[in-house]
Structure formats: C-alpha cells, structure tokens
Amino acid sequence: MHYPAYHAPPPRRSADGGQSPVTYVLLITVPALIAVAALRAR
C-alpha cells in the first residue's frame, strides 16, 4: 500500500477550540499590559 503525502486537515473550532481563544486573548492582553507598565514607569 502506497499512502499519499499526509496533509493536515483544516483547523476546526470543535477540534481546536481551546487554544485559539487563548491565543487571541494573549495577543490582546499582553500588549495592553506592556503599555500600562510603560505608562506607569514614566
């Protein structure tokens, strides 16, 4: 049996629904915390 090259299926919210929201929250909160820290440091 010759298997074709394995291609990862498109990401599904049901399968990968626990990591995507976390990454979006981190992308939003991390820069905000850095900005607040920079403003308070001045």
C-alpha atoms as a PDB file:
ATOM      1  CA  MET A   1       0.000   0.000   0.000  1.00  0.00           C
ATOM      2  CA  HIS A   2       1.333   3.392  -1.009  1.00  0.00           C
ATOM      3  CA  TYR A   3      -0.046   6.151   1.196  1.00  0.00           C
ATOM      4  CA  PRO A   4      -0.253   9.680  -0.243  1.00  0.00           C
ATOM      5  CA  ALA A   5       1.516  12.561   1.489  1.00  0.00           C
ATOM      6  CA  TYR A   6      -0.282  13.403   4.684  1.00  0.00           C
ATOM      7  CA  HIS A   7      -1.839  16.850   4.666  1.00  0.00           C
ATOM      8  CA  ALA A   8      -3.120  18.303   7.910  1.00  0.00           C
ATOM      9  CA  PRO A   9      -6.877  18.893   7.775  1.00  0.00           C
ATOM     10  CA  PRO A  10      -8.139  22.491   8.089  1.00  0.00           C
ATOM     11  CA  PRO A  11      -8.432  23.632  11.718  1.00  0.00           C
ATOM     12  CA  ARG A  12     -11.890  23.116  13.164  1.00  0.00           C
ATOM     13  CA  ARG A  13     -13.371  25.031  16.073  1.00  0.00           C
ATOM     14  CA  SER A  14     -14.663  21.808  17.610  1.00  0.00           C
ATOM     15  CA  ALA A  15     -11.274  20.089  17.483  1.00  0.00           C
ATOM     16  CA  ASP A  16      -9.097  23.109  18.285  1.00  0.00           C
ATOM     17  CA  GLY A  17     -11.464  25.312  20.215  1.00  0.00           C
ATOM     18  CA  GLY A  18      -9.439  25.526  23.411  1.00  0.00           C
ATOM     19  CA  GLN A  19      -6.235  27.019  22.030  1.00  0.00           C
ATOM     20  CA  SER A  20      -7.413  29.631  19.540  1.00  0.00           C
ATOM     21  CA  PRO A  21      -9.361  31.807  22.031  1.00  0.00           C
ATOM     22  CA  VAL A  22      -6.412  31.688  24.428  1.00  0.00           C
ATOM     23  CA  THR A  23      -4.003  32.902  21.766  1.00  0.00           C
ATOM     24  CA  TYR A  24      -6.319  35.769  20.785  1.00  0.00           C
ATOM     25  CA  VAL A  25      -6.726  36.812  24.428  1.00  0.00           C
ATOM     26  CA  LEU A  26      -2.959  36.739  24.950  1.00  0.00           C
ATOM     27  CA  LEU A  27      -2.372  38.787  21.796  1.00  0.00           C
ATOM     28  CA  ILE A  28      -4.770  41.411  23.149  1.00  0.00           C
ATOM     29  CA  THR A  29      -3.828  41.419  26.836  1.00  0.00           C
ATOM     30  CA  VAL A  30      -0.034  41.147  26.591  1.00  0.00           C
ATOM     31  CA  PRO A  31       0.480  44.387  24.577  1.00  0.00           C
ATOM     32  CA  ALA A  32      -2.050  46.139  26.829  1.00  0.00           C
ATOM     33  CA  LEU A  33      -0.191  45.106  29.988  1.00  0.00           C
ATOM     34  CA  ILE A  34       3.111  46.201  28.466  1.00  0.00           C
ATOM     35  CA  ALA A  35       1.630  49.574  27.523  1.00  0.00           C
ATOM     36  CA  VAL A  36       0.201  50.089  31.026  1.00  0.00           C
ATOM     37  CA  ALA A  37       3.526  49.144  32.602  1.00  0.00           C
ATOM     38  CA  ALA A  38       5.381  51.540  30.299  1.00  0.00           C
ATOM     39  CA  LEU A  39       2.986  54.393  31.110  1.00  0.00           C
ATOM     40  CA  ARG A  40       3.260  53.760  34.859  1.00  0.00           C
ATOM     41  CA  ALA A  41       7.068  53.587  34.672  1.00  0.00           C
ATOM     42  CA  ARG A  42       7.264  57.088  33.210  1.00  0.00           C
END
